[in-house]
Amino acid sequence: MTAPYRSPWMTDELDMLRTTARRFFEDEVAPRAAKFRAQHHIDRDVWQRAGELGLLCMSIPEEYGGQGATFAHEVVVMEEQARICDTTFGFIPGAVNGPAFFFETANEEQRRRWMPDIASGRKMLSVCITEPDAGTDVKAMRTTARKEGDGYVLSGNKIFITHGQQAELSLVAARTGGAGSGAKGISLFMVEREKTDGFRINKVLEKVGQNGLDTCEIFLDNVHVPAENLIGGAEGRGFGQLMDVFVRERLSIGVVGITCAERAIELTLEHAKNRKMLGQTLWDFQNSRFTLAECLTEARIGRIFIDKLVADLVEGRPLAPNDAMMAKWWGSEKQCQIIDRCLQLFGGYGYMTEYPIAQLYMDARVARIYGGSNETLKDLIARSM
């Protein structure tokens, strides 16, 4: 039997982190995952426990409450969450991309003001960008921020907001420019929920999968924010800030996609070697072996590409936007295809939600949509050719 694949960027330090993350997900998350899915949010003590263990905001510098670690550290945690087939713990939006988005766009005073509470788990952060008529097309945003006195008044509607119900802090994109200002008219604001009126949760949305994440529709009804909550301290910088952060978000989606595909293969191999059919195991059928061989090959191709991009980030090489888009669409497509093929080998059991393969199947579908739909990303890649 061949030795298990090991990513070339792994180190002894990351092996120790993997042990900590595995114990956290097995002890704190997995036993309550069904409860979290039923109530559409995790218990806050679990989020705070992750903060105590240093699993939140790991790549944020230590002086702001983070661990001063690398993206590879965050990838290890993503992989361990995928290993238990979980999406209830909102690691990518709440501990990686949301905080990185804020950190990379905020000024020094704003970082020191809000980042320590986010990194410790004392406060959760949501990022409010998507609107009913402006998803991938961020330039079509309609939410407005009107200058009034010593601050701004935000009005509009946001949808598909992860951690929208639980977050005390919400990073909101709004239009400060007039009609026709396009990308140059978008700015970012921090809304402190406990200090303002008019930030209203319309409803927690029912989804096909990932039901442990509270995903909300939000109304901003004349929400007053002080001028110092304008992120970066200048109007009109929001679109460029959004585009920069999407690179890491898309790579993260690709990482999880390939890892979930790998986990599906592991689960299916174990099932095939133990499931008896017609006097032999499922593994004894050539179709089963060929299917899993094909799935493993496709997953390994994706893994090697992902590993190259992770290594680039860890070693300080800038990641090309196209590479992140390729990782996202390829990883999410293979995630859905491979999990589907693996579920087929489970037969009727694969359709039962008590089986992890079914949870992987339900949670995977949205990966081809969020972070920029795969069709949009392919079009953007093509424009650069």
Protein backbone atom coordinates (compact mmCIF):
# COMPACT_ATOMS: atom_id res chain seq x y z
CA MET A 1 0.00 0.00 0.00
CA THR A 2 1.36 3.44 -0.90
CA ALA A 3 2.15 5.94 1.83
CA PRO A 4 -0.53 8.60 2.49
CA TYR A 5 -0.04 11.82 0.55
CA ARG A 6 1.52 14.65 2.57
CA SER A 7 1.42 18.23 1.38
CA PRO A 8 4.94 19.58 0.84
CA TRP A 9 4.24 22.70 2.90
CA MET A 10 3.47 20.67 6.05
CA THR A 11 5.87 21.02 9.00
CA ASP A 12 6.21 19.59 12.51
CA GLU A 13 4.54 22.73 13.88
CA LEU A 14 1.60 22.24 11.54
CA ASP A 15 1.36 18.59 12.60
CA MET A 16 0.91 19.77 16.22
CA LEU A 17 -1.73 22.26 15.11
CA ARG A 18 -3.52 19.47 13.25
CA THR A 19 -3.68 17.45 16.48
CA THR A 20 -5.19 20.42 18.34
CA ALA A 21 -7.69 21.19 15.57
CA ARG A 22 -8.71 17.53 15.24
CA ARG A 23 -9.35 17.27 18.97
CA PHE A 24 -11.37 20.50 18.90
CA PHE A 25 -13.63 19.40 16.05
CA GLU A 26 -14.07 15.87 17.41
CA ASP A 27 -14.80 17.00 20.98
CA GLU A 28 -16.53 20.36 20.60
CA VAL A 29 -18.21 20.39 17.17
CA ALA A 30 -19.02 16.88 15.93
CA PRO A 31 -21.11 15.82 18.99
CA ARG A 32 -23.34 18.91 18.62
CA ALA A 33 -23.39 19.30 14.84
CA ALA A 34 -26.96 17.98 14.53
CA LYS A 35 -28.11 20.45 17.15
CA PHE A 36 -26.36 23.31 15.36
CA ARG A 37 -28.01 22.36 12.07
CA ALA A 38 -31.44 22.24 13.72
CA GLN A 39 -31.07 25.66 15.35
CA HIS A 40 -29.23 27.18 12.35
CA HIS A 41 -26.29 28.46 14.37
CA ILE A 42 -23.51 27.20 16.60
CA ASP A 43 -23.43 27.79 20.34
CA ARG A 44 -21.26 30.77 21.16
CA ASP A 45 -19.25 28.88 23.77
CA VAL A 46 -17.87 26.72 20.93
CA TRP A 47 -16.74 29.82 19.02
CA GLN A 48 -15.14 31.26 22.14
CA ARG A 49 -13.43 27.94 22.86
CA ALA A 50 -11.84 28.12 19.41
CA GLY A 51 -10.61 31.60 20.30
CA GLU A 52 -9.08 30.31 23.54
CA LEU A 53 -7.22 27.63 21.55
CA GLY A 54 -5.88 30.21 19.10
CA LEU A 55 -7.79 28.75 16.15
CA LEU A 56 -9.39 32.04 15.10
CA CYS A 57 -7.62 34.70 13.00
CA MET A 58 -4.38 32.74 12.96
CA SER A 59 -2.76 34.75 10.17
CA ILE A 60 -3.52 38.09 11.87
CA PRO A 61 -0.39 39.62 13.52
CA GLU A 62 0.00 39.02 17.25
CA GLU A 63 -0.16 42.71 18.17
CA TYR A 64 -3.79 42.71 17.02
CA GLY A 65 -4.78 39.52 18.85
CA GLY A 66 -3.98 36.96 16.16
CA GLN A 67 -1.32 34.26 16.06
CA GLY A 68 0.97 35.80 13.44
CA ALA A 69 0.82 32.50 11.56
CA THR A 70 0.54 31.69 7.86
CA PHE A 71 -2.27 30.71 5.52
CA ALA A 72 -1.02 27.12 5.82
CA HIS A 73 -2.09 27.12 9.47
CA GLU A 74 -5.60 28.07 8.41
CA VAL A 75 -5.61 25.40 5.71
CA VAL A 76 -4.85 22.74 8.34
CA VAL A 77 -7.95 23.78 10.30
CA MET A 78 -10.07 23.79 7.13
CA GLU A 79 -8.90 20.25 6.41
CA GLU A 80 -9.70 19.01 9.90
CA GLN A 81 -13.18 20.50 9.74
CA ALA A 82 -13.76 18.79 6.38
CA ARG A 83 -12.56 15.52 7.93
CA ILE A 84 -15.62 15.42 10.22
CA CYS A 85 -17.86 16.48 7.27
CA ASP A 86 -18.87 19.68 9.06
CA THR A 87 -19.89 23.15 7.92
CA THR A 88 -21.70 24.27 11.08
CA PHE A 89 -18.57 25.97 12.46
CA GLY A 90 -18.19 28.99 10.17
CA PHE A 91 -14.40 28.91 10.05
CA ILE A 92 -13.83 30.37 6.57
CA PRO A 93 -16.26 33.30 6.77
CA GLY A 94 -15.82 34.01 10.47
CA ALA A 95 -12.20 33.16 11.27
CA VAL A 96 -10.33 33.51 7.97
CA ASN A 97 -11.85 35.64 5.25
CA GLY A 98 -14.03 38.03 7.22
CA PRO A 99 -11.25 39.02 9.64
CA ALA A 100 -8.63 39.16 6.85
CA PHE A 101 -10.98 41.32 4.81
CA PHE A 102 -11.35 43.75 7.71
CA PHE A 103 -7.66 43.73 8.64
CA GLU A 104 -6.41 44.38 5.13
CA THR A 105 -8.82 47.27 4.51
CA ALA A 106 -8.90 49.00 7.92
CA ASN A 107 -6.61 51.73 9.18
CA GLU A 108 -4.41 51.33 12.26
CA GLU A 109 -6.89 52.79 14.72
CA GLN A 110 -9.67 50.55 13.43
CA ARG A 111 -7.52 47.44 13.62
CA ARG A 112 -6.60 48.11 17.24
CA ARG A 113 -10.17 48.99 18.11
CA TRP A 114 -11.95 45.88 16.81
CA MET A 115 -9.47 43.16 15.87
CA PRO A 116 -8.61 41.81 19.37
CA ASP A 117 -12.26 41.08 20.17
CA ILE A 118 -12.71 39.32 16.82
CA ALA A 119 -9.55 37.22 17.22
CA SER A 120 -10.42 36.17 20.76
CA GLY A 121 -13.93 35.07 19.81
CA ARG A 122 -15.55 37.63 22.09
CA LYS A 123 -17.24 39.18 19.07
CA MET A 124 -18.25 37.71 15.72
CA LEU A 125 -17.93 39.53 12.42
CA SER A 126 -20.24 39.32 9.41
CA VAL A 127 -19.47 40.73 5.97
CA CYS A 128 -22.49 42.29 4.26
CA ILE A 129 -21.92 42.65 0.52
CA THR A 130 -24.43 40.60 -1.50
CA GLU A 131 -27.79 42.14 -2.36
CA PRO A 132 -30.91 40.66 -3.96
CA ASP A 133 -30.00 42.28 -7.30
CA ALA A 134 -26.21 42.45 -6.85
CA GLY A 135 -24.41 39.19 -6.15
CA THR A 136 -21.36 38.56 -8.26
CA ASP A 137 -21.93 41.95 -9.94
CA VAL A 138 -20.82 44.05 -6.95
CA LYS A 139 -20.80 47.23 -9.05
CA ALA A 140 -24.60 47.05 -9.25
CA MET A 141 -24.89 47.61 -5.48
CA ARG A 142 -27.86 49.74 -4.37
CA THR A 143 -27.31 50.12 -0.62
CA THR A 144 -26.47 53.77 0.04
CA ALA A 145 -24.43 55.64 2.63
CA ARG A 146 -25.53 59.26 2.87
CA LYS A 147 -23.27 61.78 4.60
CA GLU A 148 -25.13 63.39 7.49
CA GLY A 149 -23.56 65.55 10.20
CA ASP A 150 -20.47 63.83 11.61
CA GLY A 151 -21.35 60.43 10.20
CA TYR A 152 -23.25 58.43 7.60
CA VAL A 153 -26.75 56.99 7.24
CA LEU A 154 -26.92 53.53 5.62
CA SER A 155 -30.05 52.32 3.83
CA GLY A 156 -30.58 49.16 1.81
CA ASN A 157 -31.00 45.41 1.77
CA LYS A 158 -28.40 42.60 2.08
CA ILE A 159 -28.96 38.90 1.54
CA PHE A 160 -27.13 35.57 2.09
CA ILE A 161 -25.17 37.07 5.01
CA THR A 162 -23.27 34.41 6.97
CA HIS A 163 -23.28 34.92 10.76
CA GLY A 164 -25.75 37.72 10.11
CA GLN A 165 -27.83 36.94 13.18
CA GLN A 166 -25.02 36.27 15.66
CA ALA A 167 -22.40 38.85 14.72
CA GLU A 168 -21.96 41.90 16.93
CA LEU A 169 -19.89 43.57 14.19
CA SER A 170 -20.95 43.84 10.55
CA LEU A 171 -18.73 45.09 7.73
CA VAL A 172 -21.16 46.68 5.29
CA ALA A 173 -20.50 47.72 1.70
CA ALA A 174 -22.53 50.73 0.56
CA ARG A 175 -22.58 53.29 -2.22
CA THR A 176 -21.21 56.71 -1.23
CA GLY A 177 -21.00 57.90 -4.83
CA GLY A 178 -24.02 59.02 -6.84
CA ALA A 179 -25.88 57.16 -9.55
CA GLY A 180 -23.53 55.99 -12.26
CA SER A 181 -20.46 56.09 -10.02
CA GLY A 182 -19.93 52.36 -10.53
CA ALA A 183 -17.02 50.71 -8.73
CA LYS A 184 -15.53 54.04 -7.60
CA GLY A 185 -18.63 54.86 -5.56
CA ILE A 186 -18.47 51.92 -3.13
CA SER A 187 -17.22 52.28 0.45
CA LEU A 188 -17.03 50.02 3.51
CA PHE A 189 -18.41 50.70 7.00
CA MET A 190 -18.27 48.92 10.34
CA VAL A 191 -21.69 48.71 11.97
CA GLU A 192 -21.62 48.02 15.70
CA ARG A 193 -24.95 46.37 16.22
CA GLU A 194 -25.35 47.18 19.91
CA LYS A 195 -24.74 50.89 19.26
CA THR A 196 -27.19 51.48 16.45
CA ASP A 197 -30.84 51.16 15.56
CA GLY A 198 -32.20 50.16 12.18
CA PHE A 199 -30.04 47.08 11.54
CA ARG A 200 -32.80 44.50 11.22
CA ILE A 201 -32.62 40.74 10.61
CA ASN A 202 -35.54 39.99 8.32
CA LYS A 203 -35.20 36.20 8.56
CA VAL A 204 -32.76 33.32 8.83
CA LEU A 205 -32.83 31.62 5.44
CA GLU A 206 -33.58 27.92 4.92
CA LYS A 207 -30.93 26.33 2.70
CA VAL A 208 -30.33 23.04 0.87
CA GLY A 209 -27.18 22.46 2.93
CA GLN A 210 -24.84 24.15 5.42
CA ASN A 211 -27.78 24.64 7.75
CA GLY A 212 -25.62 25.09 10.84
CA LEU A 213 -24.59 28.52 9.56
CA ASP A 214 -27.03 31.31 10.26
CA THR A 215 -27.49 32.86 6.83
CA CYS A 216 -29.71 35.92 6.87
CA GLU A 217 -31.49 38.60 4.95
CA ILE A 218 -30.77 42.01 6.47
CA PHE A 219 -32.44 45.41 6.18
CA LEU A 220 -30.57 48.63 6.86
CA ASP A 221 -33.20 51.19 7.80
CA ASN A 222 -31.45 54.55 8.26
CA VAL A 223 -28.56 53.04 10.20
CA HIS A 224 -26.39 55.82 11.64
CA VAL A 225 -22.63 55.15 11.85
CA PRO A 226 -19.94 57.66 12.91
CA ALA A 227 -17.39 58.87 10.39
CA GLU A 228 -14.61 56.96 12.15
CA ASN A 229 -16.37 53.73 11.14
CA LEU A 230 -15.63 54.40 7.46
CA ILE A 231 -13.14 51.61 6.81
CA GLY A 232 -9.75 52.88 5.73
CA GLY A 233 -10.85 56.45 6.41
CA ALA A 234 -11.64 57.30 2.79
CA GLU A 235 -14.67 56.98 0.53
CA GLY A 236 -14.72 55.14 -2.76
CA ARG A 237 -12.11 52.49 -2.01
CA GLY A 238 -14.53 49.64 -1.35
CA PHE A 239 -14.54 47.90 -4.73
CA GLY A 240 -10.76 47.60 -4.95
CA GLN A 241 -10.66 46.37 -1.36
CA LEU A 242 -13.30 43.74 -2.14
CA MET A 243 -11.47 42.44 -5.20
CA ASP A 244 -8.18 42.01 -3.29
CA VAL A 245 -9.79 39.90 -0.56
CA PHE A 246 -11.70 37.68 -3.00
CA VAL A 247 -8.39 36.06 -3.99
CA ARG A 248 -7.94 34.39 -0.60
CA GLU A 249 -11.63 33.56 -0.29
CA ARG A 250 -11.62 31.73 -3.62
CA LEU A 251 -8.51 29.76 -2.75
CA SER A 252 -10.14 28.77 0.55
CA ILE A 253 -13.19 27.44 -1.31
CA GLY A 254 -10.88 25.43 -3.55
CA VAL A 255 -9.02 24.01 -0.53
CA VAL A 256 -12.24 22.86 1.11
CA GLY A 257 -13.56 21.47 -2.16
CA ILE A 258 -10.60 19.19 -2.72
CA THR A 259 -10.42 18.19 0.95
CA CYS A 260 -14.10 17.22 1.01
CA ALA A 261 -13.62 15.19 -2.17
CA GLU A 262 -10.70 13.37 -0.52
CA ARG A 263 -12.79 12.68 2.57
CA ALA A 264 -15.64 11.31 0.44
CA ILE A 265 -13.21 8.90 -1.21
CA GLU A 266 -11.93 7.71 2.19
CA LEU A 267 -15.47 7.10 3.47
CA THR A 268 -16.49 5.30 0.31
CA LEU A 269 -13.40 3.08 0.24
CA GLU A 270 -14.11 1.98 3.80
CA HIS A 271 -17.75 1.33 2.93
CA ALA A 272 -16.91 -0.59 -0.27
CA LYS A 273 -14.49 -2.91 1.49
CA ASN A 274 -17.05 -3.80 4.16
CA ARG A 275 -20.35 -3.80 2.27
CA LYS A 276 -21.42 -7.30 1.21
CA MET A 277 -23.29 -7.78 -2.06
CA LEU A 278 -24.03 -10.99 -3.98
CA GLY A 279 -21.57 -13.03 -1.96
CA GLN A 280 -18.68 -10.56 -2.21
CA THR A 281 -17.79 -7.07 -1.11
CA LEU A 282 -18.65 -3.96 -3.08
CA TRP A 283 -14.90 -3.46 -3.53
CA ASP A 284 -14.66 -6.74 -5.43
CA PHE A 285 -16.70 -5.27 -8.28
CA GLN A 286 -14.51 -3.75 -10.97
CA ASN A 287 -16.85 -0.77 -11.35
CA SER A 288 -16.29 0.21 -7.70
CA ARG A 289 -12.52 0.03 -8.04
CA PHE A 290 -12.48 1.96 -11.33
CA THR A 291 -14.80 4.65 -9.95
CA LEU A 292 -12.66 5.24 -6.86
CA ALA A 293 -9.43 5.14 -8.86
CA GLU A 294 -10.79 7.85 -11.17
CA CYS A 295 -12.01 9.94 -8.22
CA LEU A 296 -8.68 9.65 -6.42
CA THR A 297 -6.76 10.69 -9.54
CA GLU A 298 -8.92 13.78 -10.10
CA ALA A 299 -8.71 14.76 -6.44
CA ARG A 300 -4.92 14.35 -6.45
CA ILE A 301 -4.58 16.61 -9.51
CA GLY A 302 -6.56 19.27 -7.65
CA ARG A 303 -4.57 18.71 -4.46
CA ILE A 304 -1.23 19.27 -6.16
CA PHE A 305 -2.48 22.52 -7.74
CA ILE A 306 -3.88 23.71 -4.40
CA ASP A 307 -0.65 22.81 -2.61
CA LYS A 308 1.34 24.88 -5.08
CA LEU A 309 -0.82 27.95 -4.40
CA VAL A 310 -0.70 27.46 -0.63
CA ALA A 311 3.10 27.18 -0.79
CA ASP A 312 3.26 30.38 -2.84
CA LEU A 313 1.35 32.28 -0.15
CA VAL A 314 3.40 30.79 2.68
CA GLU A 315 6.66 31.70 0.93
CA GLY A 316 5.54 35.26 0.24
CA ARG A 317 4.86 34.97 -3.48
CA PRO A 318 1.78 36.93 -4.60
CA LEU A 319 -1.13 34.84 -5.76
CA ALA A 320 -2.47 35.68 -9.20
CA PRO A 321 -6.24 36.32 -9.20
CA ASN A 322 -6.64 33.91 -12.11
CA ASP A 323 -4.98 31.11 -10.15
CA ALA A 324 -7.37 31.63 -7.25
CA MET A 325 -10.34 31.61 -9.62
CA MET A 326 -9.10 28.40 -11.25
CA ALA A 327 -8.65 26.78 -7.84
CA LYS A 328 -12.15 27.81 -6.82
CA TRP A 329 -14.05 26.61 -9.87
CA TRP A 330 -12.03 23.42 -10.35
CA GLY A 331 -12.07 22.52 -6.66
CA SER A 332 -15.80 23.11 -6.25
CA GLU A 333 -16.69 21.28 -9.48
CA LYS A 334 -14.62 18.24 -8.47
CA GLN A 335 -16.04 18.41 -4.97
CA CYS A 336 -19.59 18.05 -6.30
CA GLN A 337 -18.73 15.47 -8.98
CA ILE A 338 -16.62 13.21 -6.78
CA ILE A 339 -18.99 13.29 -3.81
CA ASP A 340 -21.89 12.45 -6.14
CA ARG A 341 -20.03 9.46 -7.59
CA CYS A 342 -19.06 8.29 -4.11
CA LEU A 343 -22.60 8.62 -2.79
CA GLN A 344 -23.82 6.38 -5.63
CA LEU A 345 -21.66 3.55 -4.29
CA PHE A 346 -23.43 3.81 -0.93
CA GLY A 347 -26.75 3.01 -2.60
CA GLY A 348 -29.80 3.89 -0.51
CA TYR A 349 -27.66 4.51 2.56
CA GLY A 350 -26.04 7.44 0.79
CA TYR A 351 -29.42 9.17 0.68
CA MET A 352 -29.84 9.00 4.46
CA THR A 353 -28.77 12.19 6.26
CA GLU A 354 -27.33 10.23 9.18
CA TYR A 355 -24.49 9.14 6.88
CA PRO A 356 -21.61 11.62 6.53
CA ILE A 357 -21.52 11.16 2.75
CA ALA A 358 -25.04 12.62 2.56
CA GLN A 359 -23.99 15.63 4.61
CA LEU A 360 -21.02 16.17 2.31
CA TYR A 361 -23.38 16.00 -0.68
CA MET A 362 -25.85 18.57 0.67
CA ASP A 363 -23.18 20.99 1.85
CA ALA A 364 -21.19 20.87 -1.39
CA ARG A 365 -23.67 22.28 -3.87
CA VAL A 366 -23.37 25.94 -2.89
CA ALA A 367 -19.59 25.91 -3.45
CA ARG A 368 -20.18 26.30 -7.19
CA ILE A 369 -22.18 29.47 -6.47
CA TYR A 370 -20.61 31.51 -3.68
CA GLY A 371 -17.28 33.28 -3.97
CA GLY A 372 -18.29 34.12 -7.54
CA SER A 373 -20.29 31.63 -9.58
CA ASN A 374 -18.15 29.21 -11.55
CA GLU A 375 -19.58 30.49 -14.82
CA THR A 376 -18.59 34.06 -13.94
CA LEU A 377 -15.10 33.00 -12.92
CA LYS A 378 -14.55 31.12 -16.17
CA ASP A 379 -15.60 34.23 -18.07
CA LEU A 380 -13.15 36.36 -16.08
CA ILE A 381 -10.35 33.87 -16.74
CA ALA A 382 -11.17 33.90 -20.44
CA ARG A 383 -11.01 37.70 -20.61
CA SER A 384 -7.37 37.60 -19.51
CA MET A 385 -6.33 35.01 -22.12
